[in-house]
Amino acid sequence: MKPGKVHPAAITIFGAKGDLTKRKLIPALYNLYTGNHLPASFTIYCVDFLAVNEGEFKEDLLSGINEFSRNGIADKTKWGEFSARLFYVQGDFMKPETYTDLKGKLDTFEKQGTEKAIRMYYFATAPKFIEIIAEALYKHKLCNRPALDRIVVEKPFGTDLDTARKLNRYLGKRFNEKQIFRIDHYLGKETVQNIMAFRFANYVFEPLWNRKYIDHIQISVAEQVGVGKRGGYYDNSGALRDMIQNHLLQLLCIVTMECPDAYKAELIRDAKTKVMKSVRTYSTSQVFKNVIRGQYSEGHINEIPRVAYRKEDQVLPESTTETFTALKLFIDNDRWQGVPFFLRTGKSMPRQSSVIVIQFKDTPHKIFRDDIVPNRLIMSIQPELEISLLFESKVPGLQMKLQPVEMGDVSMARDPCVGAARPDAGDHRGVVFLVRQDQAIRQQSANRTKRRLIGHIAGREGERGFLPMQVGQFCLKRDNRMAIAGDISRTSSAGAHPLRGLDHGIDYKRVAAHSEIIVGAPHDDLAAGTAIAPARIGWARGIPLQIGENTIAALAANSVEV
């Protein structure tokens, strides 16, 4: 394939009726189309086993665009043009005739033009179907042109190190490595991409980007939604495998990696791999001290009732799968030695928010009595898409009185030159599928990630326990210790300040000085805002804490002091 040449594109999505297709893929592809980023000749085949009317299927996809696309309601004319190239293909992934039918449609599409089309196959399916679909594509010669054909595999890529290696070997025997895209769509978010530009194109920050000046870094992804229709998948994965091992670790790598020699995919992946090789490996006892897991119970978000996780569809009634995970990591290299990194993610949180907070160390010599709020660089990935800096400033007046203020609010949501809305993360992802870019995750990096972290944490199946958490709340703080979950607020130990995103209810003052994780568990049997002062809690081991029990009593009975 000649560099820069735009070929026709035949896009096939396996798992057409799934949440990912409706919420992410079709809105992304539609926005690419309206922005003239798709080839002039393209078609989209959506494959699923359910028998549905194609017109009703398209109406459902349209509702997904109207609800989930940042660009808002779809244009009627543009949607009509786009949907005319979109087709529903009913077929069982397990049956050969599905692929025979698909092959006929793809061949017919190519015969309409004068050149071969790129064929992209997106696996928006449960992990158990990846090998089945891959084998069928291989046998039916649907993906046998290394320069033109490719497969796209979403997370999770295996459940542990052994299964990830097995899947890599399986795919590697059937496809050229250049055809295999292991996708983390988080890398397509505008603010995430801008982190590299912010770090490596603005040298003013480089002297500060190390253990000498940075106290700690937080990476938090809060999802307001529950598991929804993904209960069957989620109950076998949990927050650790669903979010930590891919999205949050990718963010960790981008924030902490060394500057690559050039802006090239392989060099960037090498830099990320070096970070993962330096992440400290925990023993079992250290896992209990540095990792907590939670599971949401029934509650309300924006006054709308939410069911407990165990009451969600396709979730086991006594499931111990975590819907919230928080952990503290260290990177043992010269730049980051001793700096703690706090990663956390959860579902059914009070609001949707993804934020990276880089907190700098205190002023070594304080001459102002109210110099108590540390400097923070805040990278809001969603919903604000902004980068800002929190610092102390004098309050206007005769007295020398300080207050924290934000500077910057550098918006990544709109183009400053033309005022146009920038594309969603999925829009970038669509570009990745059709032209080679740097979104695929290197096998080596993915494997090391699993070996060093996931294997030590998720592998403790026999000792799984969790803290019951009310829908819409994180855990609370106590004294100067870190409640790693935190509550959702815009106040710090210094009082209110205009920090956007999550402030997490953390006492930022001395968070890095404490090695243990202190957990408070707000629950439905506690009054809102009640300050909890439990004993030091590590891993809630042995008997899972049941929803509806008195939280403090349960913690006292079933938890392990670290």
Protein backbone atom coordinates (compact mmCIF):
# COMPACT_ATOMS: atom_id res chain seq x y z
CA MET A 1 0.00 0.00 0.00
CA LYS A 2 1.50 3.34 -1.05
CA PRO A 3 2.11 5.83 1.78
CA GLY A 4 -0.56 8.51 1.95
CA LYS A 5 -2.90 6.76 -0.47
CA VAL A 6 -6.53 6.72 0.67
CA HIS A 7 -8.15 3.38 -0.03
CA PRO A 8 -11.83 2.49 0.20
CA ALA A 9 -12.67 1.10 3.63
CA ALA A 10 -14.89 -1.82 4.64
CA ILE A 11 -15.45 -1.69 8.41
CA THR A 12 -16.94 -4.71 10.16
CA ILE A 13 -18.07 -4.52 13.79
CA PHE A 14 -18.64 -7.81 15.60
CA GLY A 15 -20.99 -7.22 18.53
CA ALA A 16 -23.27 -4.74 16.81
CA LYS A 17 -25.93 -4.76 19.53
CA GLY A 18 -23.46 -4.14 22.32
CA ASP A 19 -23.04 -1.04 24.44
CA LEU A 20 -19.64 -0.19 22.92
CA THR A 21 -21.06 -0.01 19.39
CA LYS A 22 -23.93 2.27 20.35
CA ARG A 23 -22.09 4.56 22.77
CA LYS A 24 -18.66 4.82 21.16
CA LEU A 25 -18.07 3.26 17.75
CA ILE A 26 -20.98 4.51 15.67
CA PRO A 27 -20.94 8.05 17.15
CA ALA A 28 -17.19 8.17 16.44
CA LEU A 29 -17.54 6.96 12.87
CA TYR A 30 -20.46 9.31 12.24
CA ASN A 31 -18.44 12.30 13.49
CA LEU A 32 -15.53 11.25 11.29
CA TYR A 33 -17.90 11.17 8.35
CA THR A 34 -19.35 14.63 9.05
CA GLY A 35 -15.81 15.96 9.40
CA ASN A 36 -14.75 14.47 6.03
CA HIS A 37 -12.21 12.17 7.68
CA LEU A 38 -13.48 8.90 6.19
CA PRO A 39 -12.59 7.74 2.67
CA ALA A 40 -14.99 8.76 -0.08
CA SER A 41 -15.91 5.11 -0.49
CA PHE A 42 -16.68 3.20 2.70
CA THR A 43 -19.19 0.77 4.15
CA ILE A 44 -19.94 -0.50 7.67
CA TYR A 45 -21.22 -4.01 8.41
CA CYS A 46 -22.58 -4.57 11.92
CA VAL A 47 -22.70 -8.25 12.86
CA ASP A 48 -24.66 -9.77 15.74
CA PHE A 49 -26.69 -12.92 16.36
CA LEU A 50 -29.94 -11.17 17.30
CA ALA A 51 -32.72 -11.01 14.74
CA VAL A 52 -33.59 -7.32 14.43
CA ASN A 53 -35.14 -5.12 11.80
CA GLU A 54 -32.41 -3.07 10.09
CA GLY A 55 -34.48 0.11 10.23
CA GLU A 56 -35.05 -0.28 13.97
CA PHE A 57 -31.36 -1.06 14.42
CA LYS A 58 -30.37 2.18 12.70
CA GLU A 59 -32.85 4.15 14.79
CA ASP A 60 -31.24 2.71 17.92
CA LEU A 61 -27.80 3.77 16.68
CA LEU A 62 -29.13 7.24 15.90
CA SER A 63 -30.37 7.55 19.47
CA GLY A 64 -26.86 6.63 20.62
CA ILE A 65 -25.36 9.45 18.55
CA ASN A 66 -27.90 11.95 19.86
CA GLU A 67 -27.23 10.93 23.46
CA PHE A 68 -23.52 10.23 23.58
CA SER A 69 -21.82 12.31 20.90
CA ARG A 70 -20.20 15.52 22.09
CA ASN A 71 -21.35 17.18 18.86
CA GLY A 72 -24.95 16.74 19.93
CA ILE A 73 -28.00 15.84 17.84
CA ALA A 74 -27.19 14.30 14.47
CA ASP A 75 -27.89 16.27 11.33
CA LYS A 76 -30.82 14.65 9.52
CA THR A 77 -29.28 14.88 6.05
CA LYS A 78 -25.83 13.75 7.16
CA TRP A 79 -27.29 10.84 9.11
CA GLY A 80 -29.26 9.76 6.09
CA GLU A 81 -26.12 9.73 3.96
CA PHE A 82 -24.09 7.93 6.63
CA SER A 83 -26.73 5.32 7.52
CA ALA A 84 -27.17 4.45 3.82
CA ARG A 85 -23.70 2.88 4.03
CA LEU A 86 -24.41 1.02 7.24
CA PHE A 87 -25.84 -2.52 7.20
CA TYR A 88 -26.92 -5.02 9.83
CA VAL A 89 -25.75 -8.60 9.33
CA GLN A 90 -27.45 -11.24 11.46
CA GLY A 91 -25.15 -14.12 12.19
CA ASP A 92 -23.89 -16.44 14.89
CA PHE A 93 -20.17 -15.99 15.53
CA MET A 94 -19.89 -19.76 15.94
CA LYS A 95 -21.33 -20.67 12.52
CA PRO A 96 -19.35 -20.72 9.22
CA GLU A 97 -22.25 -19.33 7.18
CA THR A 98 -21.94 -16.01 9.03
CA TYR A 99 -18.50 -15.51 7.53
CA THR A 100 -19.47 -16.83 4.12
CA ASP A 101 -22.26 -14.26 4.02
CA LEU A 102 -19.91 -11.51 5.19
CA LYS A 103 -17.30 -12.46 2.59
CA GLY A 104 -19.88 -12.14 -0.17
CA LYS A 105 -20.85 -8.66 0.99
CA LEU A 106 -17.23 -7.53 1.23
CA ASP A 107 -16.41 -8.87 -2.23
CA THR A 108 -19.45 -7.11 -3.69
CA PHE A 109 -18.38 -3.81 -2.11
CA GLU A 110 -14.87 -4.07 -3.56
CA LYS A 111 -16.21 -4.88 -7.04
CA GLN A 112 -18.05 -1.56 -7.02
CA GLY A 113 -14.74 0.30 -7.07
CA THR A 114 -11.51 0.16 -9.04
CA GLU A 115 -9.16 -0.85 -6.22
CA LYS A 116 -8.91 -3.09 -3.19
CA ALA A 117 -10.41 -1.85 0.06
CA ILE A 118 -8.96 -1.78 3.53
CA ARG A 119 -10.79 -4.33 5.65
CA MET A 120 -11.00 -3.56 9.35
CA TYR A 121 -12.61 -5.99 11.82
CA TYR A 122 -13.48 -4.58 15.22
CA PHE A 123 -14.04 -7.12 18.02
CA ALA A 124 -16.64 -5.36 20.18
CA THR A 125 -17.53 -8.68 21.79
CA ALA A 126 -17.08 -10.63 25.00
CA PRO A 127 -13.49 -11.93 25.35
CA LYS A 128 -14.61 -15.53 24.81
CA PHE A 129 -15.40 -14.77 21.15
CA ILE A 130 -12.02 -13.27 20.21
CA GLU A 131 -10.35 -16.56 19.28
CA ILE A 132 -13.52 -17.89 17.64
CA ILE A 133 -13.90 -14.87 15.35
CA ALA A 134 -10.16 -14.69 14.65
CA GLU A 135 -10.08 -18.36 13.59
CA ALA A 136 -13.09 -17.88 11.30
CA LEU A 137 -11.54 -14.82 9.63
CA TYR A 138 -8.36 -16.80 9.09
CA LYS A 139 -10.09 -19.90 7.67
CA HIS A 140 -12.33 -17.94 5.33
CA LYS A 141 -9.41 -15.76 4.17
CA LEU A 142 -11.16 -12.56 5.16
CA CYS A 143 -8.05 -11.06 6.72
CA ASN A 144 -5.13 -12.45 4.71
CA ARG A 145 -3.65 -9.27 3.15
CA PRO A 146 -1.08 -7.82 5.58
CA ALA A 147 -0.98 -4.43 3.87
CA LEU A 148 -4.75 -3.95 3.78
CA ASP A 149 -6.49 -6.10 6.39
CA ARG A 150 -6.46 -5.61 10.15
CA ILE A 151 -8.19 -6.69 13.32
CA VAL A 152 -8.89 -4.48 16.32
CA VAL A 153 -9.05 -6.09 19.76
CA GLU A 154 -10.50 -4.11 22.64
CA LYS A 155 -9.80 -4.69 26.32
CA PRO A 156 -9.60 -6.96 28.17
CA PHE A 157 -6.74 -8.70 26.38
CA GLY A 158 -6.81 -11.91 28.39
CA THR A 159 -7.55 -12.20 32.09
CA ASP A 160 -3.99 -12.64 33.35
CA LEU A 161 -0.43 -13.00 32.07
CA ASP A 162 -0.85 -16.58 30.88
CA THR A 163 -4.07 -15.95 28.97
CA ALA A 164 -2.66 -12.75 27.43
CA ARG A 165 0.37 -14.66 26.19
CA LYS A 166 -1.83 -17.45 24.91
CA LEU A 167 -4.02 -14.99 23.00
CA ASN A 168 -0.96 -13.26 21.56
CA ARG A 169 0.38 -16.58 20.30
CA TYR A 170 -3.01 -17.54 18.89
CA LEU A 171 -3.41 -14.32 16.93
CA GLY A 172 0.26 -14.26 15.91
CA LYS A 173 -0.07 -17.63 14.18
CA ARG A 174 -2.93 -16.35 12.02
CA PHE A 175 -2.11 -12.71 11.33
CA ASN A 176 0.92 -10.53 10.77
CA GLU A 177 1.77 -8.46 13.83
CA LYS A 178 1.19 -5.26 11.83
CA GLN A 179 -2.40 -6.38 11.29
CA ILE A 180 -3.16 -6.69 15.02
CA PHE A 181 -4.29 -3.58 16.88
CA ARG A 182 -4.63 -3.89 20.66
CA ILE A 183 -6.65 -0.79 21.34
CA ASP A 184 -6.97 1.45 24.36
CA HIS A 185 -9.41 4.12 23.24
CA TYR A 186 -8.45 6.30 26.22
CA LEU A 187 -5.32 7.27 24.32
CA GLY A 188 -7.51 9.03 21.76
CA LYS A 189 -8.94 11.53 24.24
CA GLU A 190 -7.85 15.06 23.41
CA THR A 191 -6.45 15.86 26.85
CA VAL A 192 -4.57 12.57 27.02
CA GLN A 193 -2.92 13.28 23.70
CA ASN A 194 -2.18 16.80 24.86
CA ILE A 195 -0.27 15.56 27.91
CA MET A 196 2.64 14.61 25.67
CA ALA A 197 2.57 18.01 23.98
CA PHE A 198 2.32 19.71 27.37
CA ARG A 199 5.32 17.79 28.74
CA PHE A 200 7.67 17.62 25.80
CA ALA A 201 6.94 20.88 23.95
CA ASN A 202 7.05 23.14 27.05
CA TYR A 203 10.50 22.88 28.55
CA VAL A 204 9.57 25.12 31.48
CA PHE A 205 8.04 22.09 33.24
CA GLU A 206 10.86 19.60 32.64
CA PRO A 207 13.08 20.73 35.58
CA LEU A 208 10.09 20.31 37.93
CA TRP A 209 8.92 16.94 36.61
CA ASN A 210 10.67 14.69 39.14
CA ARG A 211 10.88 13.51 42.73
CA LYS A 212 12.64 16.67 43.89
CA TYR A 213 9.59 18.87 43.32
CA ILE A 214 6.57 16.55 43.02
CA ASP A 215 5.00 15.25 46.23
CA HIS A 216 2.58 12.75 44.68
CA ILE A 217 0.40 12.16 41.62
CA GLN A 218 -3.24 11.06 41.53
CA ILE A 219 -4.99 9.49 38.56
CA SER A 220 -8.73 9.12 39.11
CA VAL A 221 -11.48 7.94 36.80
CA ALA A 222 -14.99 8.13 38.23
CA GLU A 223 -17.91 6.75 36.24
CA GLN A 224 -21.43 7.80 37.12
CA VAL A 225 -22.94 4.84 35.31
CA GLY A 226 -23.27 1.39 36.84
CA VAL A 227 -22.52 -1.78 34.94
CA GLY A 228 -25.75 -1.52 32.97
CA LYS A 229 -26.13 -4.33 30.45
CA ARG A 230 -22.51 -5.41 30.85
CA GLY A 231 -23.10 -7.36 34.06
CA GLY A 232 -22.15 -10.71 32.53
CA TYR A 233 -18.82 -9.37 31.30
CA TYR A 234 -18.11 -7.13 34.26
CA ASP A 235 -18.71 -9.77 36.91
CA ASN A 236 -15.81 -11.76 35.44
CA SER A 237 -13.53 -8.74 35.18
CA GLY A 238 -14.10 -6.08 37.81
CA ALA A 239 -12.66 -2.59 38.04
CA LEU A 240 -9.07 -3.80 38.23
CA ARG A 241 -9.10 -5.58 34.88
CA ASP A 242 -11.68 -3.31 33.25
CA MET A 243 -9.97 0.01 34.01
CA ILE A 244 -6.73 -0.14 35.98
CA GLN A 245 -4.72 -2.48 33.77
CA ASN A 246 -5.37 -0.47 30.63
CA HIS A 247 -6.74 3.07 30.89
CA LEU A 248 -5.13 4.15 34.16
CA LEU A 249 -1.80 2.44 33.55
CA GLN A 250 -1.62 4.07 30.11
CA LEU A 251 -2.15 7.44 31.77
CA LEU A 252 0.52 6.59 34.32
CA CYS A 253 2.98 5.81 31.53
CA ILE A 254 2.29 9.02 29.61
CA VAL A 255 2.69 11.15 32.73
CA THR A 256 5.91 9.48 33.89
CA MET A 257 7.79 8.27 30.81
CA GLU A 258 11.02 9.80 29.56
CA CYS A 259 10.95 11.90 26.40
CA PRO A 260 11.29 9.59 23.36
CA ASP A 261 13.95 10.38 20.77
CA ALA A 262 11.23 11.14 18.22
CA TYR A 263 7.44 11.21 17.93
CA LYS A 264 7.22 7.70 16.54
CA ALA A 265 5.01 4.82 17.65
CA GLU A 266 7.77 2.35 18.42
CA LEU A 267 9.83 4.85 20.41
CA ILE A 268 6.80 5.93 22.44
CA ARG A 269 5.95 2.32 23.24
CA ASP A 270 9.57 1.71 24.27
CA ALA A 271 9.38 4.64 26.68
CA LYS A 272 6.17 3.28 28.19
CA THR A 273 7.67 -0.19 28.52
CA LYS A 274 10.58 1.22 30.53
CA VAL A 275 8.10 2.75 32.97
CA MET A 276 6.26 -0.55 33.46
CA LYS A 277 9.55 -2.36 34.03
CA SER A 278 10.26 0.07 36.86
CA VAL A 279 6.91 -0.23 38.63
CA ARG A 280 7.51 -1.80 42.04
CA THR A 281 6.27 -5.37 42.40
CA TYR A 282 4.26 -6.05 45.55
CA SER A 283 4.35 -9.14 47.71
CA THR A 284 1.05 -10.53 49.00
CA SER A 285 1.34 -8.68 52.30
CA GLN A 286 2.16 -5.44 50.46
CA VAL A 287 -0.91 -5.88 48.26
CA PHE A 288 -3.07 -5.89 51.40
CA LYS A 289 -1.46 -2.63 52.52
CA ASN A 290 -1.57 -0.76 49.22
CA VAL A 291 -4.75 -1.89 47.48
CA ILE A 292 -8.41 -1.65 48.42
CA ARG A 293 -11.52 -2.92 46.64
CA GLY A 294 -15.10 -1.75 47.00
CA GLN A 295 -18.53 -2.67 45.68
CA TYR A 296 -21.45 -0.27 45.41
CA SER A 297 -24.72 -0.93 47.19
CA GLU A 298 -28.12 0.62 46.57
CA GLY A 299 -28.43 4.39 46.76
CA HIS A 300 -29.27 7.55 44.83
CA ILE A 301 -27.45 9.66 42.25
CA ASN A 302 -29.02 13.02 41.44
CA GLU A 303 -32.05 11.82 43.39
CA ILE A 304 -32.47 8.89 41.01
CA PRO A 305 -32.50 5.49 42.76
CA ARG A 306 -29.81 2.98 41.78
CA VAL A 307 -29.78 -0.70 42.54
CA ALA A 308 -26.92 -2.44 44.28
CA TYR A 309 -24.30 -4.12 42.10
CA ARG A 310 -25.50 -7.55 43.21
CA LYS A 311 -28.97 -6.68 41.93
CA GLU A 312 -27.74 -5.75 38.45
CA ASP A 313 -28.64 -7.97 35.50
CA GLN A 314 -26.37 -10.99 34.96
CA VAL A 315 -24.50 -10.39 38.23
CA LEU A 316 -24.23 -13.20 40.77
CA PRO A 317 -26.27 -12.51 43.95
CA GLU A 318 -23.22 -13.08 46.16
CA SER A 319 -20.63 -11.64 43.81
CA THR A 320 -17.37 -10.36 45.31
CA THR A 321 -16.30 -8.61 42.09
CA GLU A 322 -15.06 -5.11 42.82
CA THR A 323 -16.68 -2.06 41.23
CA PHE A 324 -14.16 0.25 42.89
CA THR A 325 -10.40 -0.19 43.11
CA ALA A 326 -7.73 2.08 44.52
CA LEU A 327 -4.03 1.41 44.77
CA LYS A 328 -0.75 3.09 45.52
CA LEU A 329 2.19 2.44 43.21
CA PHE A 330 5.85 3.40 43.13
CA ILE A 331 8.16 3.71 40.16
CA ASP A 332 11.67 2.73 41.13
CA ASN A 333 13.84 4.84 38.87
CA ASP A 334 15.93 7.96 39.29
CA ARG A 335 13.19 10.39 38.28
CA TRP A 336 10.37 9.02 40.45
CA GLN A 337 11.97 7.13 43.35
CA GLY A 338 9.85 7.57 46.47
CA VAL A 339 6.97 9.45 44.80
CA PRO A 340 3.63 7.70 45.43
CA PHE A 341 1.13 7.35 42.58
CA PHE A 342 -2.50 6.93 43.62
CA LEU A 343 -4.75 5.25 41.04
CA ARG A 344 -8.47 4.80 41.60
CA THR A 345 -11.57 4.11 39.62
CA GLY A 346 -15.16 3.20 40.35
CA LYS A 347 -18.67 2.95 38.99
CA SER A 348 -21.87 4.59 40.30
CA MET A 349 -19.94 7.64 41.46
CA PRO A 350 -21.62 11.02 42.09
CA ARG A 351 -20.40 12.42 38.78
CA GLN A 352 -18.51 11.46 35.64
CA SER A 353 -14.96 12.71 35.90
CA SER A 354 -11.43 11.74 34.87
CA VAL A 355 -8.62 13.83 36.28
CA ILE A 356 -4.87 13.75 36.87
CA VAL A 357 -3.65 15.82 39.80
CA ILE A 358 0.08 16.49 40.08
CA GLN A 359 0.75 17.92 43.52
CA PHE A 360 4.02 19.71 44.14
CA LYS A 361 5.87 19.78 47.42
CA ASP A 362 5.31 22.43 50.05
CA THR A 363 7.24 25.67 50.10
CA PRO A 364 10.42 24.76 52.01
CA HIS A 365 10.49 28.08 53.89
CA LYS A 366 7.06 29.47 54.66
CA ILE A 367 6.86 33.17 55.49
CA PHE A 368 3.07 33.46 55.20
CA ARG A 369 0.89 32.00 57.92
CA ASP A 370 -1.88 30.94 55.53
CA ASP A 371 0.43 29.41 52.91
CA ILE A 372 -1.21 26.02 53.37
CA VAL A 373 -2.53 24.93 49.96
CA PRO A 374 0.13 23.24 47.81
CA ASN A 375 0.53 23.92 44.10
CA ARG A 376 -1.32 21.48 41.87
CA LEU A 377 -1.30 20.94 38.15
CA ILE A 378 -4.76 19.65 37.21
CA MET A 379 -5.36 17.81 33.95
CA SER A 380 -9.08 17.25 33.51
CA ILE A 381 -9.65 14.59 30.87
CA GLN A 382 -13.41 14.68 31.14
CA PRO A 383 -15.82 16.32 31.21
CA GLU A 384 -13.98 19.69 31.20
CA LEU A 385 -10.99 18.79 28.94
CA GLU A 386 -8.83 21.41 30.59
CA ILE A 387 -5.37 21.88 32.06
CA SER A 388 -4.96 24.37 34.89
CA LEU A 389 -2.55 25.28 37.67
CA LEU A 390 -3.59 25.89 41.28
CA PHE A 391 -1.40 28.33 43.20
CA GLU A 392 -1.54 30.81 46.08
CA SER A 393 -2.35 34.46 45.42
CA LYS A 394 -2.87 37.55 47.54
CA VAL A 395 -6.42 38.58 48.32
CA PRO A 396 -6.95 42.21 47.21
CA GLY A 397 -6.85 44.58 50.19
CA LEU A 398 -4.59 46.05 52.85
CA GLN A 399 -3.74 42.77 54.58
CA MET A 400 -1.39 40.07 53.30
CA LYS A 401 -3.89 37.25 53.04
CA LEU A 402 -3.53 34.33 50.64
CA GLN A 403 -6.11 32.32 48.75
CA PRO A 404 -5.76 29.48 46.23
CA VAL A 405 -6.65 30.41 42.66
CA GLU A 406 -6.57 28.61 39.34
CA MET A 407 -4.60 29.79 36.37
CA GLY A 408 -4.98 28.53 32.85
CA ASP A 409 -8.17 26.66 32.11
CA VAL A 410 -6.51 25.75 28.83
CA SER A 411 -9.46 24.17 27.06
CA MET A 412 -8.90 21.13 24.90
CA ALA A 413 -12.56 20.93 23.87
CA ARG A 414 -12.51 23.52 21.09
CA ASP A 415 -10.01 24.66 18.52
CA PRO A 416 -8.77 28.12 19.67
CA CYS A 417 -8.28 29.21 16.04
CA VAL A 418 -11.65 28.37 14.55
CA GLY A 419 -13.83 27.68 17.59
CA ALA A 420 -14.83 24.27 16.29
CA ALA A 421 -15.53 21.36 18.59
CA ARG A 422 -12.76 18.85 18.68
CA PRO A 423 -13.54 15.19 18.03
CA ASP A 424 -14.39 12.61 20.66
CA ALA A 425 -11.89 9.97 21.74
CA GLY A 426 -13.63 7.52 19.49
CA ASP A 427 -13.10 9.82 16.50
CA HIS A 428 -9.37 9.50 16.97
CA ARG A 429 -9.83 5.79 17.35
CA GLY A 430 -11.55 5.62 13.97
CA VAL A 431 -8.60 7.39 12.34
CA VAL A 432 -6.31 4.84 13.95
CA PHE A 433 -8.19 1.98 12.35
CA LEU A 434 -7.94 3.38 8.84
CA VAL A 435 -4.42 4.81 8.84
CA ARG A 436 -1.56 3.42 10.88
CA GLN A 437 -0.96 5.37 14.06
CA ASP A 438 0.50 4.67 17.49
CA GLN A 439 -2.47 3.37 19.45
CA ALA A 440 -1.65 -0.34 19.49
CA ILE A 441 -0.19 -1.56 22.77
CA ARG A 442 3.07 -3.39 22.52
CA GLN A 443 2.91 -7.03 23.62
CA GLN A 444 5.94 -6.65 25.87
CA SER A 445 4.46 -3.68 27.71
CA ALA A 446 1.08 -5.35 28.18
CA ASN A 447 2.62 -8.56 29.48
CA ARG A 448 4.90 -6.83 31.94
CA THR A 449 1.99 -4.81 33.23
CA LYS A 450 0.03 -7.95 33.99
CA ARG A 451 2.96 -9.79 35.53
CA ARG A 452 3.97 -6.97 37.85
CA LEU A 453 0.57 -5.76 38.98
CA ILE A 454 -2.51 -7.67 37.97
CA GLY A 455 -1.06 -11.07 38.77
CA HIS A 456 -0.26 -10.02 42.33
CA ILE A 457 -3.55 -8.26 42.96
CA ALA A 458 -6.30 -10.01 41.01
CA GLY A 459 -4.73 -13.41 41.55
CA ARG A 460 -5.74 -13.47 45.22
CA GLU A 461 -9.11 -14.98 44.33
CA GLY A 462 -9.32 -17.08 47.49
CA GLU A 463 -8.93 -14.04 49.72
CA ARG A 464 -11.12 -11.58 47.89
CA GLY A 465 -13.06 -9.20 50.05
CA PHE A 466 -14.50 -5.75 49.56
CA LEU A 467 -15.82 -2.70 51.33
CA PRO A 468 -19.52 -2.01 50.74
CA MET A 469 -19.95 1.51 49.41
CA GLN A 470 -23.14 3.43 48.91
CA VAL A 471 -23.94 4.43 45.35
CA GLY A 472 -22.78 7.95 44.66
CA GLN A 473 -20.05 8.13 47.30
CA PHE A 474 -16.39 7.49 47.72
CA CYS A 475 -14.88 6.78 51.11
CA LEU A 476 -14.16 9.60 53.54
CA LYS A 477 -10.94 11.00 54.95
CA ARG A 478 -9.66 10.92 58.49
CA ASP A 479 -6.96 13.05 60.09
CA ASN A 480 -3.89 13.44 57.88
CA ARG A 481 -4.07 9.97 56.43
CA MET A 482 -5.26 9.23 52.97
CA ALA A 483 -8.72 7.84 52.44
CA ILE A 484 -7.72 6.69 49.01
CA ALA A 485 -11.26 6.72 47.75
CA GLY A 486 -12.10 10.20 48.99
CA ASP A 487 -15.45 11.95 48.80
CA ILE A 488 -16.52 14.05 45.84
CA SER A 489 -16.22 17.68 46.82
CA ARG A 490 -14.55 20.91 45.88
CA THR A 491 -13.05 21.59 49.29
CA SER A 492 -9.64 20.88 50.69
CA SER A 493 -8.20 21.10 54.17
CA ALA A 494 -7.86 24.82 53.49
CA GLY A 495 -11.50 25.31 52.66
CA ALA A 496 -13.34 25.90 49.42
CA HIS A 497 -11.40 26.57 46.25
CA PRO A 498 -12.33 26.58 42.55
CA LEU A 499 -10.74 23.25 41.68
CA ARG A 500 -12.62 21.56 38.89
CA GLY A 501 -13.03 17.81 38.62
CA LEU A 502 -12.47 15.64 41.66
CA ASP A 503 -10.87 16.93 44.82
CA HIS A 504 -11.50 13.51 46.37
CA GLY A 505 -11.77 14.77 49.96
CA ILE A 506 -8.07 14.15 50.49
CA ASP A 507 -5.93 16.01 52.95
CA TYR A 508 -3.30 16.96 50.39
CA LYS A 509 -1.08 18.40 53.09
CA ARG A 510 0.82 15.25 54.01
CA VAL A 511 -0.70 12.52 51.92
CA ALA A 512 2.67 11.15 50.80
CA ALA A 513 3.99 10.82 54.33
CA HIS A 514 1.81 7.83 55.22
CA SER A 515 2.38 4.38 53.85
CA GLU A 516 -0.84 2.80 54.99
CA ILE A 517 -4.21 3.16 53.34
CA ILE A 518 -6.96 4.30 55.67
CA VAL A 519 -10.48 3.51 54.60
CA GLY A 520 -13.77 4.87 55.76
CA ALA A 521 -16.87 3.32 54.20
CA PRO A 522 -19.96 5.53 53.92
CA HIS A 523 -22.99 3.29 53.66
CA ASP A 524 -26.74 3.41 53.65
CA ASP A 525 -26.96 2.99 57.42
CA LEU A 526 -24.96 6.18 58.04
CA ALA A 527 -26.17 9.74 57.90
CA ALA A 528 -24.88 11.77 54.99
CA GLY A 529 -21.64 13.49 55.81
CA THR A 530 -20.97 11.42 58.93
CA ALA A 531 -17.27 11.35 59.72
CA ILE A 532 -16.13 7.75 60.15
CA ALA A 533 -13.15 6.90 62.29
CA PRO A 534 -12.52 3.19 61.78
CA ALA A 535 -9.48 1.31 62.86
CA ARG A 536 -6.70 1.01 60.32
CA ILE A 537 -8.16 -1.13 57.57
CA GLY A 538 -6.22 -3.14 55.06
CA TRP A 539 -7.83 -5.84 52.93
CA ALA A 540 -11.32 -6.92 53.98
CA ARG A 541 -10.27 -10.53 53.91
CA GLY A 542 -12.22 -13.76 54.25
CA ILE A 543 -15.92 -13.06 54.66
CA PRO A 544 -17.19 -10.53 52.10
CA LEU A 545 -18.99 -7.63 53.75
CA GLN A 546 -22.66 -8.01 52.99
CA ILE A 547 -24.79 -5.18 51.73
CA GLY A 548 -27.05 -3.80 54.42
CA GLU A 549 -24.93 -4.77 57.40
CA ASN A 550 -23.82 -2.13 59.84
CA THR A 551 -20.63 -0.94 58.21
CA ILE A 552 -18.54 -0.17 61.27
CA ALA A 553 -19.45 -3.45 62.95
CA ALA A 554 -18.65 -5.34 59.76
CA LEU A 555 -15.29 -3.64 59.45
CA ALA A 556 -14.44 -4.43 63.04
CA ALA A 557 -15.41 -8.07 62.60
CA ASN A 558 -13.95 -8.92 59.22
CA SER A 559 -11.04 -6.62 58.44
CA VAL A 560 -7.34 -7.04 58.89
CA GLU A 561 -5.18 -4.42 60.53
CA VAL A 562 -2.11 -3.61 58.48
